[in-house]
């Protein structure tokens, strides 16, 4: 028995399912999880000493690579002065200014401790600001595990094939209205039917939890027009895309300004963090400025603020276009290798994110993502992992490259793909 196997067996007796986040259990790919001992650059090292090239990158945050020296130094220097104050600190002001300067739609920002907390708080703010209850989300869109967002959620919920929303009262999700991603007609119909009670539309501007799905031309602009017409707020969930699609996120790339933006992952440099921000007039309704309450004991934690600030400062010096070009060429070659094996393959790509779907048809929404061949993905995942390539253990997740991935890493990955037998 390997060390990872032994640890997992022990974890099963101590932690539900043996993991602290469901998709990590690797059930959908018929494996047991690997336990990671350390990480550096583009590589992970397991408790058994096996090195893997990582395309999960802690589910997106490690755009600079694991254990980046500037980020590690910032964490160490800050920890020497204390790990938590429960009071304001200089670093949260500096990180807030950096985020506001970078993201077009943010004039004020509130720090929280997770992406789930950010989206949950943004929705509460939207409801408090508009005096309405309804929220439109999209099938397969995952905005964290707050009750209102678990209707037809993608990501781990879809991976685990969990039906409906057990534990969530129907009185809560009755205010969650569903449309298909990229389908403006459905959104328009919902507004025409219930527009007087719709507080917000929440959307990943580039969907990342049904695999990577790009917005069709005009889709995001149509959401902006509809929300303005009916007096609702537009919330961009940029927990994945923020500072990854580009330094200013998807909204900068698509030249869009939502009313509220949710961030996470990269802005904490790998430490637990989230944030929500938006127009000053709207954010002023958050307590103690206004009467919409939200609080958090560890919000603005100095270690997370230090890691995030060091990460964003380093990212400001990076060449995003060059990484996007490398990722496009690499993912295209990966697609060609798999297509050359006679497999049905569709590739979606933007910036340093891509997904290979085992599907012969374009993937533009959650139903088309679900139609991809999960058995082929399982075969691919298992054999790539055996060859030292670490992919997300779910067909509904993205692959991430980083500034730390070398040409040799990419070549080794393509070589491994060429050896997979289906």
Protein backbone atom coordinates (compact mmCIF):
# COMPACT_ATOMS: atom_id res chain seq x y z
CA UNK A 1 0.00 0.00 0.00
CA UNK A 2 1.32 3.45 -0.90
CA UNK A 3 1.54 6.28 1.61
CA UNK A 4 -1.29 8.10 -0.22
CA UNK A 5 -3.48 5.01 -0.01
CA UNK A 6 -2.73 4.58 3.68
CA UNK A 7 -3.50 8.25 4.39
CA UNK A 8 -6.75 8.04 2.43
CA UNK A 9 -7.91 4.98 4.34
CA UNK A 10 -7.27 6.80 7.60
CA UNK A 11 -8.93 9.97 6.30
CA UNK A 12 -12.07 7.98 5.43
CA UNK A 13 -12.54 7.30 9.15
CA UNK A 14 -12.04 10.94 10.15
CA UNK A 15 -13.35 13.15 7.33
CA UNK A 16 -16.58 12.66 5.32
CA UNK A 17 -15.53 10.89 2.14
CA UNK A 18 -11.92 11.24 3.21
CA UNK A 19 -11.62 14.72 1.70
CA UNK A 20 -12.43 18.32 2.60
CA UNK A 21 -13.86 19.16 -0.83
CA UNK A 22 -15.80 16.48 -2.74
CA UNK A 23 -14.17 16.49 -6.19
CA UNK A 24 -10.78 15.70 -4.61
CA UNK A 25 -12.00 12.19 -3.83
CA UNK A 26 -11.46 11.28 -7.53
CA UNK A 27 -14.57 9.08 -7.50
CA UNK A 28 -15.71 10.08 -10.99
CA UNK A 29 -12.37 8.99 -12.47
CA UNK A 30 -12.34 5.73 -10.49
CA UNK A 31 -9.15 6.50 -8.59
CA UNK A 32 -8.10 7.28 -5.07
CA UNK A 33 -6.64 10.74 -4.39
CA UNK A 34 -2.94 11.44 -4.23
CA UNK A 35 -1.77 13.18 -1.06
CA UNK A 36 0.58 16.06 -1.81
CA UNK A 37 3.63 16.73 0.34
CA UNK A 38 5.07 19.77 -1.44
CA UNK A 39 4.87 21.92 -4.54
CA UNK A 40 7.23 24.17 -6.45
CA UNK A 41 6.85 25.93 -9.77
CA UNK A 42 4.83 23.72 -12.10
CA UNK A 43 5.38 20.54 -10.06
CA UNK A 44 3.73 18.66 -7.21
CA UNK A 45 5.42 15.99 -5.12
CA UNK A 46 3.29 13.35 -3.46
CA UNK A 47 3.80 11.81 -0.03
CA UNK A 48 5.26 8.83 -1.90
CA UNK A 49 7.88 11.03 -3.57
CA UNK A 50 6.32 11.03 -7.04
CA UNK A 51 6.71 14.24 -9.01
CA UNK A 52 3.86 15.41 -11.25
CA UNK A 53 3.45 18.26 -13.73
CA UNK A 54 0.46 20.14 -12.39
CA UNK A 55 -2.39 21.50 -14.52
CA UNK A 56 -4.78 21.96 -11.58
CA UNK A 57 -2.65 24.64 -9.92
CA UNK A 58 -4.73 24.55 -6.73
CA UNK A 59 -7.82 24.92 -8.97
CA UNK A 60 -6.49 28.10 -10.55
CA UNK A 61 -4.80 30.41 -8.01
CA UNK A 62 -1.18 29.52 -8.72
CA UNK A 63 -0.74 31.55 -11.89
CA UNK A 64 2.84 32.40 -10.89
CA UNK A 65 3.51 28.75 -10.05
CA UNK A 66 3.68 27.05 -6.68
CA UNK A 67 5.73 28.55 -3.87
CA UNK A 68 6.78 31.61 -5.82
CA UNK A 69 9.74 33.15 -3.97
CA UNK A 70 8.25 36.66 -3.72
CA UNK A 71 4.96 35.33 -2.36
CA UNK A 72 6.66 32.95 0.07
CA UNK A 73 8.89 35.75 1.36
CA UNK A 74 5.90 38.06 1.86
CA UNK A 75 4.04 35.40 3.85
CA UNK A 76 7.08 34.66 6.02
CA UNK A 77 7.80 38.33 6.73
CA UNK A 78 4.18 39.01 7.63
CA UNK A 79 3.86 35.91 9.82
CA UNK A 80 6.80 37.13 11.87
CA UNK A 81 4.58 40.02 13.00
CA UNK A 82 1.53 37.89 13.80
CA UNK A 83 -0.92 35.74 11.88
CA UNK A 84 -4.28 37.33 12.70
CA UNK A 85 -5.33 40.55 14.36
CA UNK A 86 -9.12 40.73 14.03
CA UNK A 87 -8.50 44.41 13.37
CA UNK A 88 -7.60 46.56 10.38
CA UNK A 89 -4.08 46.31 8.95
CA UNK A 90 -2.10 48.24 6.35
CA UNK A 91 -1.97 45.31 3.90
CA UNK A 92 -5.74 45.14 3.41
CA UNK A 93 -5.77 48.80 2.39
CA UNK A 94 -2.90 48.23 -0.04
CA UNK A 95 -4.52 45.13 -1.57
CA UNK A 96 -7.86 46.93 -1.88
CA UNK A 97 -6.18 49.77 -3.76
CA UNK A 98 -4.38 47.32 -6.06
CA UNK A 99 -7.63 45.48 -6.88
CA UNK A 100 -9.54 48.72 -7.50
CA UNK A 101 -6.79 50.03 -9.77
CA UNK A 102 -6.81 46.80 -11.80
CA UNK A 103 -10.47 45.81 -12.18
CA UNK A 104 -12.63 48.24 -14.20
CA UNK A 105 -15.95 47.54 -12.45
CA UNK A 106 -14.69 47.93 -8.87
CA UNK A 107 -14.71 51.27 -7.05
CA UNK A 108 -14.93 49.82 -3.54
CA UNK A 109 -14.14 46.31 -2.34
CA UNK A 110 -14.80 44.20 0.77
CA UNK A 111 -12.40 41.36 1.62
CA UNK A 112 -13.79 38.00 2.76
CA UNK A 113 -12.31 34.53 3.22
CA UNK A 114 -13.63 32.47 0.27
CA UNK A 115 -15.23 32.71 -3.13
CA UNK A 116 -18.42 31.24 -1.69
CA UNK A 117 -18.53 34.01 0.90
CA UNK A 118 -17.97 36.60 -1.84
CA UNK A 119 -20.84 35.42 -4.05
CA UNK A 120 -23.19 34.90 -1.10
CA UNK A 121 -22.49 38.43 0.14
CA UNK A 122 -22.81 39.97 -3.32
CA UNK A 123 -26.25 38.41 -3.73
CA UNK A 124 -27.35 39.66 -0.32
CA UNK A 125 -26.15 43.12 -1.27
CA UNK A 126 -27.99 42.98 -4.60
CA UNK A 127 -31.20 41.99 -2.84
CA UNK A 128 -30.77 44.67 -0.19
CA UNK A 129 -29.98 47.34 -2.76
CA UNK A 130 -32.88 46.53 -5.11
CA UNK A 131 -35.45 45.37 -2.56
CA UNK A 132 -36.06 42.27 -4.71
CA UNK A 133 -35.62 38.53 -4.14
CA UNK A 134 -34.98 36.76 -7.44
CA UNK A 135 -31.62 35.82 -8.95
CA UNK A 136 -30.93 34.41 -12.39
CA UNK A 137 -28.09 31.91 -12.66
CA UNK A 138 -27.11 29.53 -15.41
CA UNK A 139 -27.32 25.75 -15.58
CA UNK A 140 -23.87 24.40 -14.70
CA UNK A 141 -22.69 27.68 -13.22
CA UNK A 142 -21.06 27.13 -9.85
CA UNK A 143 -20.92 30.11 -7.52
CA UNK A 144 -19.97 28.36 -4.31
CA UNK A 145 -22.11 26.28 -2.00
CA UNK A 146 -24.45 28.93 -0.60
CA UNK A 147 -28.05 27.67 -0.65
CA UNK A 148 -29.33 29.98 -3.39
CA UNK A 149 -26.64 28.89 -5.85
CA UNK A 150 -26.93 25.10 -5.59
CA UNK A 151 -29.77 24.83 -8.09
CA UNK A 152 -28.32 23.12 -11.19
CA UNK A 153 -24.73 23.79 -10.10
CA UNK A 154 -21.82 22.52 -12.12
CA UNK A 155 -18.33 21.66 -10.91
CA UNK A 156 -18.21 19.22 -7.99
CA UNK A 157 -22.00 18.96 -7.74
CA UNK A 158 -22.19 17.72 -11.32
CA UNK A 159 -19.11 15.53 -10.87
CA UNK A 160 -20.68 13.78 -7.88
CA UNK A 161 -24.02 13.47 -9.71
CA UNK A 162 -25.85 14.90 -6.69
CA UNK A 163 -29.52 15.41 -7.60
CA UNK A 164 -31.23 18.68 -6.77
CA UNK A 165 -30.21 20.49 -3.61
CA UNK A 166 -30.57 18.23 -0.56
CA UNK A 167 -30.53 20.25 2.65
CA UNK A 168 -31.66 23.40 0.89
CA UNK A 169 -35.27 24.47 1.58
CA UNK A 170 -37.44 24.93 -1.48
CA UNK A 171 -38.42 28.32 -0.07
CA UNK A 172 -34.80 29.38 -0.68
CA UNK A 173 -34.22 28.06 -4.20
CA UNK A 174 -37.66 29.14 -5.41
CA UNK A 175 -36.09 32.57 -5.88
CA UNK A 176 -33.30 31.09 -8.07
CA UNK A 177 -34.26 31.26 -11.74
CA UNK A 178 -32.36 29.15 -14.27
CA UNK A 179 -31.34 29.76 -17.86
CA UNK A 180 -28.86 28.09 -20.20
CA UNK A 181 -25.49 29.78 -20.56
CA UNK A 182 -25.25 31.65 -23.88
CA UNK A 183 -29.06 31.69 -24.25
CA UNK A 184 -30.24 35.31 -24.10
CA UNK A 185 -33.76 34.34 -25.14
CA UNK A 186 -34.27 32.38 -21.91
CA UNK A 187 -32.94 35.27 -19.84
CA UNK A 188 -35.17 37.75 -21.63
CA UNK A 189 -38.21 35.52 -21.06
CA UNK A 190 -37.47 35.32 -17.34
CA UNK A 191 -37.21 39.09 -17.09
CA UNK A 192 -40.41 39.61 -19.05
CA UNK A 193 -42.22 37.20 -16.71
CA UNK A 194 -40.70 38.12 -13.34
CA UNK A 195 -38.60 41.23 -13.93
CA UNK A 196 -40.16 43.18 -11.06
CA UNK A 197 -38.71 40.70 -8.54
CA UNK A 198 -35.30 39.93 -10.09
CA UNK A 199 -32.51 41.48 -8.05
CA UNK A 200 -29.56 40.25 -10.09
CA UNK A 201 -28.08 38.06 -12.77
CA UNK A 202 -24.95 36.24 -11.63
CA UNK A 203 -22.70 34.79 -14.30
CA UNK A 204 -19.17 33.57 -14.83
CA UNK A 205 -18.20 35.81 -17.77
CA UNK A 206 -16.24 32.81 -19.00
CA UNK A 207 -17.80 29.69 -17.56
CA UNK A 208 -15.25 27.55 -15.73
CA UNK A 209 -17.28 25.02 -13.80
CA UNK A 210 -18.82 23.05 -16.66
CA UNK A 211 -15.38 22.84 -18.15
CA UNK A 212 -14.30 25.99 -19.95
CA UNK A 213 -17.15 27.51 -21.99
CA UNK A 214 -16.73 30.84 -23.75
CA UNK A 215 -19.46 33.46 -24.04
CA UNK A 216 -20.90 33.81 -27.52
CA UNK A 217 -20.51 37.26 -29.11
CA UNK A 218 -23.17 39.54 -27.67
CA UNK A 219 -24.13 37.30 -24.75
CA UNK A 220 -22.52 39.33 -21.98
CA UNK A 221 -23.53 42.58 -23.63
CA UNK A 222 -27.10 41.28 -23.80
CA UNK A 223 -27.07 40.52 -20.07
CA UNK A 224 -25.82 44.05 -19.41
CA UNK A 225 -28.64 45.54 -21.50
CA UNK A 226 -31.36 43.39 -19.91
CA UNK A 227 -30.29 44.09 -16.33
CA UNK A 228 -30.25 47.82 -16.98
CA UNK A 229 -33.62 47.72 -18.71
CA UNK A 230 -35.30 45.88 -15.81
CA UNK A 231 -33.45 47.56 -12.93
CA UNK A 232 -31.48 44.46 -11.82
CA UNK A 233 -27.77 44.22 -11.03
CA UNK A 234 -25.25 42.31 -13.12
CA UNK A 235 -22.82 40.27 -10.99
CA UNK A 236 -19.67 38.88 -12.59
CA UNK A 237 -18.29 35.87 -10.73
CA UNK A 238 -14.60 36.28 -11.54
CA UNK A 239 -13.32 33.94 -8.84
CA UNK A 240 -11.65 31.92 -11.63
CA UNK A 241 -11.15 34.55 -14.34
CA UNK A 242 -10.06 37.46 -12.16
CA UNK A 243 -6.38 38.29 -12.83
CA UNK A 244 -6.12 35.13 -15.00
CA UNK A 245 -7.89 36.03 -18.24
CA UNK A 246 -5.82 39.19 -18.02
CA UNK A 247 -4.61 41.45 -15.24
CA UNK A 248 -7.99 43.23 -15.19
CA UNK A 249 -9.95 40.01 -15.49
CA UNK A 250 -12.61 39.04 -18.02
CA UNK A 251 -14.37 42.38 -17.71
CA UNK A 252 -11.29 44.16 -18.96
CA UNK A 253 -10.82 41.61 -21.76
CA UNK A 254 -14.45 41.93 -22.90
CA UNK A 255 -14.66 45.68 -22.15
CA UNK A 256 -17.58 45.18 -19.77
CA UNK A 257 -18.42 46.77 -16.43
CA UNK A 258 -20.73 44.76 -14.17
CA UNK A 259 -22.38 46.30 -11.13
CA UNK A 260 -20.71 43.85 -8.74
CA UNK A 261 -17.67 41.58 -9.10
CA UNK A 262 -16.71 38.54 -7.04
CA UNK A 263 -13.06 37.57 -6.74
CA UNK A 264 -11.02 34.84 -5.06
CA UNK A 265 -8.22 32.38 -5.80
CA UNK A 266 -5.44 34.51 -7.35
CA UNK A 267 -6.00 37.56 -5.11
CA UNK A 268 -4.93 35.44 -2.13
CA UNK A 269 -1.83 33.99 -3.77
CA UNK A 270 -2.94 30.50 -2.73
CA UNK A 271 -4.21 31.40 0.75
CA UNK A 272 -7.94 31.33 1.59
CA UNK A 273 -9.46 34.57 0.37
CA UNK A 274 -12.36 36.15 -1.46
CA UNK A 275 -13.61 39.63 -2.23
CA UNK A 276 -16.62 41.38 -3.68
CA UNK A 277 -16.71 44.89 -4.99
CA UNK A 278 -18.45 47.24 -7.35
CA UNK A 279 -19.85 50.68 -7.80
CA UNK A 280 -19.39 52.98 -4.82
CA UNK A 281 -23.11 53.78 -4.63
CA UNK A 282 -23.96 50.07 -4.27
CA UNK A 283 -21.11 49.10 -1.94
CA UNK A 284 -22.06 51.94 0.41
CA UNK A 285 -25.06 49.84 1.44
CA UNK A 286 -22.78 47.33 3.22
CA UNK A 287 -22.51 47.69 7.00
CA UNK A 288 -21.24 49.71 8.73
CA UNK A 289 -21.81 52.28 5.97
CA UNK A 290 -25.27 50.89 5.25
CA UNK A 291 -27.75 48.36 6.57
CA UNK A 292 -26.85 45.22 4.57
CA UNK A 293 -24.93 43.14 7.11
CA UNK A 294 -21.86 41.03 6.37
CA UNK A 295 -18.93 40.27 8.62
CA UNK A 296 -16.02 37.86 8.99
CA UNK A 297 -13.56 37.22 11.79
CA UNK A 298 -10.67 36.45 9.44
CA UNK A 299 -11.62 38.86 6.65
CA UNK A 300 -8.56 40.87 5.65
CA UNK A 301 -6.26 38.33 7.31
CA UNK A 302 -2.71 39.75 7.09
CA UNK A 303 -1.17 36.56 5.69
CA UNK A 304 -3.73 36.34 2.88
CA UNK A 305 -3.39 40.06 2.18
CA UNK A 306 0.40 39.79 2.01
CA UNK A 307 0.26 36.79 -0.31
CA UNK A 308 -2.32 38.44 -2.54
CA UNK A 309 -0.48 41.74 -2.74
CA UNK A 310 2.83 40.03 -3.59
CA UNK A 311 1.06 37.93 -6.23
CA UNK A 312 -0.65 40.86 -7.93
CA UNK A 313 2.52 42.95 -7.87
CA UNK A 314 4.42 40.11 -9.54
CA UNK A 315 1.64 39.49 -12.08
CA UNK A 316 1.68 43.15 -13.11
CA UNK A 317 5.16 42.50 -14.55
CA UNK A 318 4.23 39.34 -16.47
CA UNK A 319 3.55 38.90 -20.18
CA UNK A 320 0.00 37.55 -20.29
CA UNK A 321 -0.12 37.49 -24.09
CA UNK A 322 2.93 35.25 -24.31
CA UNK A 323 1.45 32.75 -21.84
CA UNK A 324 -1.84 32.77 -23.74
CA UNK A 325 0.00 32.01 -27.00
CA UNK A 326 1.94 29.15 -25.42
CA UNK A 327 -1.23 27.72 -23.91
CA UNK A 328 -3.12 27.98 -27.20
CA UNK A 329 -0.37 26.19 -29.14
CA UNK A 330 0.02 23.52 -26.45
CA UNK A 331 -3.69 22.81 -26.08
CA UNK A 332 -4.13 22.72 -29.87
CA UNK A 333 -1.37 20.13 -30.19
CA UNK A 334 -2.95 18.11 -27.39
CA UNK A 335 -6.24 18.26 -29.28
CA UNK A 336 -4.51 17.12 -32.48
CA UNK A 337 -2.85 14.17 -30.72
CA UNK A 338 -6.17 12.94 -29.34
CA UNK A 339 -8.02 13.60 -32.59
CA UNK A 340 -5.31 11.60 -34.37
CA UNK A 341 -6.35 8.60 -32.28
CA UNK A 342 -9.80 8.79 -33.86
CA UNK A 343 -11.43 10.29 -30.80
CA UNK A 344 -14.24 12.86 -30.73
CA UNK A 345 -12.54 15.97 -29.35
CA UNK A 346 -13.57 19.59 -28.81
CA UNK A 347 -11.16 22.11 -27.30
CA UNK A 348 -12.16 25.36 -25.61
CA UNK A 349 -9.40 27.84 -24.74
CA UNK A 350 -8.84 31.36 -23.49
CA UNK A 351 -5.70 32.90 -22.00
CA UNK A 352 -4.06 30.29 -19.71
CA UNK A 353 -7.18 28.10 -19.36
CA UNK A 354 -8.42 25.26 -21.55
CA UNK A 355 -10.64 22.18 -21.49
CA UNK A 356 -10.50 19.14 -23.75
CA UNK A 357 -13.99 17.71 -24.12
CA UNK A 358 -14.40 14.22 -25.56
CA UNK A 359 -17.22 15.40 -27.76
CA UNK A 360 -17.69 15.67 -31.53
CA UNK A 361 -19.88 18.75 -31.21
CA UNK A 362 -19.11 22.27 -29.92
CA UNK A 363 -19.54 22.81 -26.17
CA UNK A 364 -21.41 26.05 -25.57
CA UNK A 365 -23.46 25.33 -22.43
CA UNK A 366 -23.99 22.79 -19.66
CA UNK A 367 -26.10 20.28 -21.64
CA UNK A 368 -23.46 20.09 -24.38
CA UNK A 369 -20.74 19.70 -21.73
CA UNK A 370 -22.71 16.87 -20.12
CA UNK A 371 -22.97 15.14 -23.50
CA UNK A 372 -19.19 14.62 -23.64
CA UNK A 373 -17.91 11.06 -23.13
CA UNK A 374 -17.05 10.70 -19.43
CA UNK A 375 -15.60 7.21 -19.91
CA UNK A 376 -13.03 8.50 -22.39
CA UNK A 377 -12.08 11.25 -19.95
CA UNK A 378 -11.62 8.69 -17.16
CA UNK A 379 -9.29 6.62 -19.34
CA UNK A 380 -7.33 9.72 -20.29
CA UNK A 381 -7.08 10.97 -16.71
CA UNK A 382 -5.90 7.64 -15.29
CA UNK A 383 -3.14 7.08 -17.84
CA UNK A 384 -1.92 10.66 -17.75
CA UNK A 385 -1.65 10.48 -13.96
CA UNK A 386 0.30 7.23 -14.23
CA UNK A 387 2.77 9.10 -16.45
CA UNK A 388 3.21 11.98 -14.01
CA UNK A 389 0.67 14.45 -15.41
CA UNK A 390 -1.76 15.85 -12.84
CA UNK A 391 -5.13 16.88 -14.28
CA UNK A 392 -8.35 17.84 -12.52
CA UNK A 393 -10.22 14.62 -11.62
CA UNK A 394 -13.44 15.82 -13.26
CA UNK A 395 -14.61 16.35 -16.82
CA UNK A 396 -16.35 19.53 -15.61
CA UNK A 397 -13.20 21.39 -14.62
CA UNK A 398 -10.56 23.43 -16.43
CA UNK A 399 -6.88 22.87 -17.01
CA UNK A 400 -4.60 25.74 -16.02
CA UNK A 401 -1.13 26.62 -17.16
CA UNK A 402 1.09 29.07 -15.31
CA UNK A 403 4.07 31.30 -15.85
CA UNK A 404 6.12 28.51 -14.26
CA UNK A 405 5.29 25.87 -16.89
CA UNK A 406 8.33 25.34 -19.09
CA UNK A 407 8.58 24.22 -22.71
CA UNK A 408 9.91 20.92 -21.36
CA UNK A 409 6.82 20.51 -19.13
CA UNK A 410 4.54 21.00 -22.12
CA UNK A 411 6.53 18.62 -24.32
CA UNK A 412 6.53 15.93 -21.63
CA UNK A 413 2.76 16.33 -21.33
CA UNK A 414 2.21 15.97 -25.07
CA UNK A 415 4.47 12.91 -25.13
CA UNK A 416 2.43 11.35 -22.33
CA UNK A 417 -0.81 12.05 -24.23
CA UNK A 418 0.59 10.35 -27.32
CA UNK A 419 1.09 7.16 -25.28
CA UNK A 420 -2.44 6.97 -23.87
CA UNK A 421 -4.36 3.95 -25.16
CA UNK A 422 -8.13 4.07 -25.51
